[in-house]
C-alpha atoms as a PDB file:
ATOM      1  CA  MET A   1       0.000   0.000   0.000  1.00  0.00           C
ATOM      2  CA  ILE A   2       1.201   3.511  -0.761  1.00  0.00           C
ATOM      3  CA  THR A   3       1.248   5.949   2.163  1.00  0.00           C
ATOM      4  CA  THR A   4      -0.095   9.496   2.041  1.00  0.00           C
ATOM      5  CA  GLU A   5       3.460  10.869   2.119  1.00  0.00           C
ATOM      6  CA  GLN A   6       4.522   8.612  -0.772  1.00  0.00           C
ATOM      7  CA  GLN A   7       1.384   9.661  -2.676  1.00  0.00           C
ATOM      8  CA  GLU A   8       2.188  13.338  -2.089  1.00  0.00           C
ATOM      9  CA  LYS A   9       5.787  12.876  -3.264  1.00  0.00           C
ATOM     10  CA  LEU A  10       4.592  11.036  -6.351  1.00  0.00           C
ATOM     11  CA  ARG A  11       2.032  13.724  -7.179  1.00  0.00           C
ATOM     12  CA  GLY A  12       4.662  16.411  -6.551  1.00  0.00           C
ATOM     13  CA  TRP A  13       7.134  14.737  -8.889  1.00  0.00           C
ATOM     14  CA  PHE A  14       4.558  14.570 -11.689  1.00  0.00           C
ATOM     15  CA  ALA A  15       3.398  18.149 -11.019  1.00  0.00           C
ATOM     16  CA  GLY A  16       6.981  19.290 -11.424  1.00  0.00           C
ATOM     17  CA  ARG A  17       7.893  17.035 -14.339  1.00  0.00           C
ATOM     18  CA  VAL A  18       4.811  17.158 -16.585  1.00  0.00           C
ATOM     19  CA  PRO A  19       5.199  20.054 -19.061  1.00  0.00           C
ATOM     20  CA  ASP A  20       3.102  23.081 -18.027  1.00  0.00           C
ATOM     21  CA  ASP A  21       1.245  23.145 -21.340  1.00  0.00           C
ATOM     22  CA  LEU A  22       0.242  19.471 -21.285  1.00  0.00           C
ATOM     23  CA  PHE A  23      -2.879  19.818 -19.087  1.00  0.00           C
ATOM     24  CA  GLU A  24      -5.037  22.665 -17.832  1.00  0.00           C
ATOM     25  CA  ALA A  25      -4.619  21.010 -14.437  1.00  0.00           C
ATOM     26  CA  LEU A  26      -3.222  17.807 -12.998  1.00  0.00           C
ATOM     27  CA  VAL A  27      -6.389  16.204 -11.631  1.00  0.00           C
ATOM     28  CA  GLU A  28      -5.211  12.956 -10.086  1.00  0.00           C
ATOM     29  CA  VAL A  29      -2.139  10.786  -9.613  1.00  0.00           C
ATOM     30  CA  THR A  30      -2.839   7.344  -8.158  1.00  0.00           C
ATOM     31  CA  ALA A  31      -0.616   4.325  -7.682  1.00  0.00           C
ATOM     32  CA  ASP A  32      -0.596   0.717  -6.642  1.00  0.00           C
ATOM     33  CA  ARG A  33       2.140  -1.932  -6.803  1.00  0.00           C
ATOM     34  CA  GLU A  34       1.989  -2.250 -10.600  1.00  0.00           C
ATOM     35  CA  GLU A  35       0.922   1.103 -12.020  1.00  0.00           C
ATOM     36  CA  ILE A  36       0.833   4.865 -11.673  1.00  0.00           C
ATOM     37  CA  THR A  37      -2.157   6.551 -13.321  1.00  0.00           C
ATOM     38  CA  VAL A  38      -1.904  10.235 -14.212  1.00  0.00           C
ATOM     39  CA  ILE A  39      -5.088  12.105 -15.130  1.00  0.00           C
ATOM     40  CA  GLY A  40      -5.177  15.697 -16.315  1.00  0.00           C
ATOM     41  CA  ARG A  41      -7.889  18.100 -17.394  1.00  0.00           C
ATOM     42  CA  ILE A  42      -7.961  19.254 -21.015  1.00  0.00           C
ATOM     43  CA  PRO A  43     -10.101  22.058 -22.446  1.00  0.00           C
ATOM     44  CA  GLU A  44     -13.556  21.237 -23.703  1.00  0.00           C
ATOM     45  CA  PRO A  45     -14.250  21.901 -27.370  1.00  0.00           C
ATOM     46  CA  ARG A  46     -15.899  25.272 -28.013  1.00  0.00           C
ATOM     47  CA  LEU A  47     -19.460  24.572 -29.086  1.00  0.00           C
ATOM     48  CA  ALA A  48     -22.661  26.526 -29.341  1.00  0.00           C
ATOM     49  CA  GLU A  49     -24.830  26.108 -26.256  1.00  0.00           C
ATOM     50  CA  ASP A  50     -27.712  24.598 -28.223  1.00  0.00           C
ATOM     51  CA  VAL A  51     -25.799  21.633 -29.736  1.00  0.00           C
ATOM     52  CA  SER A  52     -27.226  18.165 -29.242  1.00  0.00           C
ATOM     53  CA  ALA A  53     -25.857  15.730 -26.685  1.00  0.00           C
ATOM     54  CA  ALA A  54     -24.646  13.493 -29.526  1.00  0.00           C
ATOM     55  CA  GLU A  55     -22.709  16.360 -31.122  1.00  0.00           C
ATOM     56  CA  ARG A  56     -21.187  17.348 -27.754  1.00  0.00           C
ATOM     57  CA  GLU A  57     -20.160  13.732 -27.064  1.00  0.00           C
ATOM     58  CA  ALA A  58     -18.568  13.385 -30.520  1.00  0.00           C
ATOM     59  CA  ALA A  59     -16.699  16.683 -30.060  1.00  0.00           C
ATOM     60  CA  VAL A  60     -15.316  15.557 -26.692  1.00  0.00           C
ATOM     61  CA  GLN A  61     -14.241  12.212 -28.155  1.00  0.00           C
ATOM     62  CA  GLY A  62     -12.507  14.058 -30.988  1.00  0.00           C
ATOM     63  CA  ARG A  63     -10.747  16.401 -28.549  1.00  0.00           C
ATOM     64  CA  VAL A  64      -9.532  13.469 -26.425  1.00  0.00           C
ATOM     65  CA  GLN A  65      -8.229  11.631 -29.511  1.00  0.00           C
ATOM     66  CA  GLU A  66      -6.471  14.768 -30.794  1.00  0.00           C
ATOM     67  CA  PHE A  67      -4.852  15.317 -27.382  1.00  0.00           C
ATOM     68  CA  ARG A  68      -3.753  11.688 -27.144  1.00  0.00           C
ATOM     69  CA  GLU A  69      -2.047  11.731 -30.535  1.00  0.00           C
ATOM     70  CA  ARG A  70      -0.503  15.221 -30.209  1.00  0.00           C
ATOM     71  CA  THR A  71       0.995  14.614 -26.749  1.00  0.00           C
ATOM     72  CA  ARG A  72       2.104  10.998 -27.139  1.00  0.00           C
ATOM     73  CA  GLU A  73       5.835  11.771 -27.385  1.00  0.00           C
ATOM     74  CA  ALA A  74       5.863  14.118 -24.359  1.00  0.00           C
ATOM     75  CA  ARG A  75       3.844  11.676 -22.255  1.00  0.00           C
ATOM     76  CA  MET A  76       6.118   8.778 -23.219  1.00  0.00           C
ATOM     77  CA  THR A  77       9.212  10.749 -22.204  1.00  0.00           C
ATOM     78  CA  VAL A  78       7.763  11.506 -18.760  1.00  0.00           C
ATOM     79  CA  ALA A  79       6.502   7.915 -18.401  1.00  0.00           C
ATOM     80  CA  GLN A  80       9.939   6.450 -19.171  1.00  0.00           C
ATOM     81  CA  GLU A  81      11.572   8.639 -16.532  1.00  0.00           C
ATOM     82  CA  ALA A  82       8.870   7.783 -13.984  1.00  0.00           C
ATOM     83  CA  GLN A  83       9.047   4.060 -14.741  1.00  0.00           C
ATOM     84  CA  HIS A  84      12.795   4.121 -14.169  1.00  0.00           C
ATOM     85  CA  ARG A  85      12.440   6.162 -10.972  1.00  0.00           C
ATOM     86  CA  PHE A  86       9.367   4.482  -9.398  1.00  0.00           C
ATOM     87  CA  ARG A  87       9.611   0.983 -10.936  1.00  0.00           C
ATOM     88  CA  ARG A  88       5.978   1.003 -12.069  1.00  0.00           C
ATOM     89  CA  LYS A  89       4.226   1.359 -15.407  1.00  0.00           C
ATOM     90  CA  VAL A  90       2.672   4.764 -16.076  1.00  0.00           C
ATOM     91  CA  SER A  91      -0.784   5.106 -17.573  1.00  0.00           C
ATOM     92  CA  TRP A  92      -2.467   8.310 -18.693  1.00  0.00           C
ATOM     93  CA  GLY A  93      -5.984   9.636 -18.826  1.00  0.00           C
ATOM     94  CA  VAL A  94      -7.870  12.891 -19.256  1.00  0.00           C
ATOM     95  CA  GLU A  95     -10.959  14.678 -18.069  1.00  0.00           C
ATOM     96  CA  CYS A  96     -12.701  16.706 -20.728  1.00  0.00           C
ATOM     97  CA  GLY A  97     -15.920  18.270 -19.520  1.00  0.00           C
ATOM     98  CA  ALA A  98     -17.823  15.596 -17.621  1.00  0.00           C
ATOM     99  CA  GLU A  99     -16.006  12.733 -19.384  1.00  0.00           C
ATOM    100  CA  ARG A 100     -13.040  10.810 -17.997  1.00  0.00           C
ATOM    101  CA  VAL A 101     -11.094   8.716 -20.510  1.00  0.00           C
ATOM    102  CA  LEU A 102      -8.227   6.387 -19.605  1.00  0.00           C
ATOM    103  CA  PHE A 103      -5.702   5.540 -22.276  1.00  0.00           C
ATOM    104  CA  THR A 104      -3.951   2.165 -22.345  1.00  0.00           C
ATOM    105  CA  HIS A 105      -3.563   1.007 -18.763  1.00  0.00           C
ATOM    106  CA  VAL A 106      -2.462  -2.092 -16.877  1.00  0.00           C
ATOM    107  CA  ALA A 107      -4.897  -4.944 -16.337  1.00  0.00           C
ATOM    108  CA  ALA A 108      -2.968  -6.958 -13.764  1.00  0.00           C
ATOM    109  CA  PRO A 109      -3.904 -10.605 -13.285  1.00  0.00           C
ATOM    110  CA  VAL A 110      -4.935 -11.547  -9.767  1.00  0.00           C
ATOM    111  CA  MET A 111      -5.105 -15.164  -8.722  1.00  0.00           C
ATOM    112  CA  THR A 112      -7.572 -16.359  -6.128  1.00  0.00           C
ATOM    113  CA  ARG A 113      -9.044 -19.601  -4.912  1.00  0.00           C
ATOM    114  CA  LEU A 114     -12.796 -19.681  -4.565  1.00  0.00           C
ATOM    115  CA  ARG A 115     -15.017 -22.265  -2.966  1.00  0.00           C
ATOM    116  CA  GLN A 116     -18.160 -23.451  -4.711  1.00  0.00           C
ATOM    117  CA  PRO A 117     -20.557 -20.821  -3.269  1.00  0.00           C
ATOM    118  CA  GLU A 118     -18.299 -18.001  -4.531  1.00  0.00           C
ATOM    119  CA  ARG A 119     -17.880 -19.690  -7.920  1.00  0.00           C
ATOM    120  CA  GLN A 120     -21.656 -20.018  -8.169  1.00  0.00           C
ATOM    121  CA  VAL A 121     -22.005 -16.248  -7.750  1.00  0.00           C
ATOM    122  CA  LEU A 122     -19.607 -15.702 -10.634  1.00  0.00           C
ATOM    123  CA  ASP A 123     -21.288 -18.353 -12.775  1.00  0.00           C
ATOM    124  CA  THR A 124     -24.689 -16.730 -12.165  1.00  0.00           C
ATOM    125  CA  LEU A 125     -23.329 -13.381 -13.392  1.00  0.00           C
ATOM    126  CA  VAL A 126     -21.960 -15.098 -16.501  1.00  0.00           C
ATOM    127  CA  ALA A 127     -25.215 -16.979 -17.155  1.00  0.00           C
ATOM    128  CA  ALA A 128     -27.198 -13.745 -16.778  1.00  0.00           C
ATOM    129  CA  GLY A 129     -25.006 -12.006 -19.338  1.00  0.00           C
ATOM    130  CA  VAL A 130     -23.651  -9.490 -16.814  1.00  0.00           C
ATOM    131  CA  ALA A 131     -20.138 -10.777 -17.498  1.00  0.00           C
ATOM    132  CA  ARG A 132     -18.492 -12.789 -20.268  1.00  0.00           C
ATOM    133  CA  SER A 133     -16.370 -14.938 -17.987  1.00  0.00           C
ATOM    134  CA  ARG A 134     -15.609 -15.655 -14.348  1.00  0.00           C
ATOM    135  CA  SER A 135     -12.732 -13.195 -14.597  1.00  0.00           C
ATOM    136  CA  ASP A 136     -15.066 -10.442 -15.876  1.00  0.00           C
ATOM    137  CA  ALA A 137     -17.599 -11.348 -13.190  1.00  0.00           C
ATOM    138  CA  LEU A 138     -14.979 -11.045 -10.460  1.00  0.00           C
ATOM    139  CA  ALA A 139     -13.867  -7.648 -11.809  1.00  0.00           C
ATOM    140  CA  TRP A 140     -17.540  -6.566 -11.863  1.00  0.00           C
ATOM    141  CA  CYS A 141     -17.902  -7.604  -8.212  1.00  0.00           C
ATOM    142  CA  VAL A 142     -14.789  -5.647  -7.227  1.00  0.00           C
ATOM    143  CA  ARG A 143     -16.083  -2.513  -9.008  1.00  0.00           C
ATOM    144  CA  LEU A 144     -19.445  -2.902  -7.269  1.00  0.00           C
ATOM    145  CA  VAL A 145     -17.806  -3.190  -3.853  1.00  0.00           C
ATOM    146  CA  GLN A 146     -15.560  -0.226  -4.654  1.00  0.00           C
ATOM    147  CA  ARG A 147     -18.522   1.932  -5.642  1.00  0.00           C
ATOM    148  CA  HIS A 148     -20.481   1.164  -2.493  1.00  0.00           C
ATOM    149  CA  THR A 149     -17.732   1.140   0.096  1.00  0.00           C
ATOM    150  CA  ASP A 150     -15.600   4.201  -0.678  1.00  0.00           C
ATOM    151  CA  ASP A 151     -15.974   5.554   2.874  1.00  0.00           C
ATOM    152  CA  TRP A 152     -15.139   2.209   4.468  1.00  0.00           C
ATOM    153  CA  LEU A 153     -12.104   1.689   2.215  1.00  0.00           C
ATOM    154  CA  ALA A 154     -10.864   5.243   2.918  1.00  0.00           C
ATOM    155  CA  GLU A 155     -11.121   4.593   6.663  1.00  0.00           C
ATOM    156  CA  LEU A 156      -9.282   1.287   6.248  1.00  0.00           C
ATOM    157  CA  ARG A 157      -6.481   2.978   4.258  1.00  0.00           C
ATOM    158  CA  ASP A 158      -6.169   5.650   6.971  1.00  0.00           C
ATOM    159  CA  SER A 159      -5.901   2.922   9.608  1.00  0.00           C
ATOM    160  CA  LEU A 160      -3.187   1.132   7.638  1.00  0.00           C
ATOM    161  CA  GLU A 161      -1.223   4.368   7.355  1.00  0.00           C
ATOM    162  CA  HIS A 162      -1.510   4.825  11.128  1.00  0.00           C
ATOM    163  CA  VAL A 163      -0.150   1.288  11.673  1.00  0.00           C
ATOM    164  CA  GLN A 164       2.792   2.041   9.363  1.00  0.00           C
ATOM    165  CA  ARG A 165       3.579   5.275  11.277  1.00  0.00           C
ATOM    166  CA  VAL A 166       3.465   3.429  14.620  1.00  0.00           C
ATOM    167  CA  ARG A 167       5.750   0.694  13.290  1.00  0.00           C
ATOM    168  CA  ALA A 168       8.228   3.306  12.066  1.00  0.00           C
ATOM    169  CA  GLN A 169       8.325   4.868  15.547  1.00  0.00           C
ATOM    170  CA  GLY A 170       8.998   1.521  17.238  1.00  0.00           C
ATOM    171  CA  PRO A 171      12.298   0.420  18.725  1.00  0.00           C
ATOM    172  CA  ASP A 172      15.197  -0.423  16.442  1.00  0.00           C
ATOM    173  CA  THR A 173      15.322  -4.015  15.360  1.00  0.00           C
ATOM    174  CA  GLU A 174      19.104  -4.194  15.753  1.00  0.00           C
ATOM    175  CA  PRO A 175      20.158  -6.300  18.757  1.00  0.00           C
ATOM    176  CA  GLU A 176      21.704  -4.412  21.637  1.00  0.00           C
ATOM    177  CA  GLU A 177      25.344  -5.043  22.434  1.00  0.00           C
ATOM    178  CA  PRO A 178      25.854  -6.968  25.665  1.00  0.00           C
ATOM    179  CA  ALA A 179      27.104  -4.942  28.631  1.00  0.00           C
ATOM    180  CA  SER A 180      30.778  -5.417  29.432  1.00  0.00           C
ATOM    181  CA  ASP A 181      31.865  -7.217  32.639  1.00  0.00           C
ATOM    182  CA  SER A 182      33.660  -4.121  33.961  1.00  0.00           C
ATOM    183  CA  GLU A 183      30.408  -2.161  34.466  1.00  0.00           C
END
């Protein structure tokens, strides 16, 4: 797990390293063991106020695609430096208006052993067409839990950070030298 201090240092590094003209604002920098995701805000396309939702959506998609292609080289340069420095892959995304679009990002495999009742849940989701496979069904379940437990997960992360701070303040793990006989 990444601590708040590590998260702040990571965000600070990207804020300092990403070219000023790349984003209107650096919106979010998140990390786990495999990946760092950097999301920035880009300007919305200028449109008349009375355009249809379909036209607005197409304009945003076009703006995101234009940004992705135009900035590829600059983003790759920053990503290579970050990957060398932080030993994680870097993924990029943008916010444009109300839309958030992630570019190519890591889909890390996670192995788990499930007993029959858990497998039956996944198989039901597959049979109902909610997911294409057990793997998709498991990812769907994780997203559902994430959506409905943000407060609980935030509290848990805070508690883990507290445990890490307490551990860091503990006694040294080096053995003490034995007292000499002359004392």
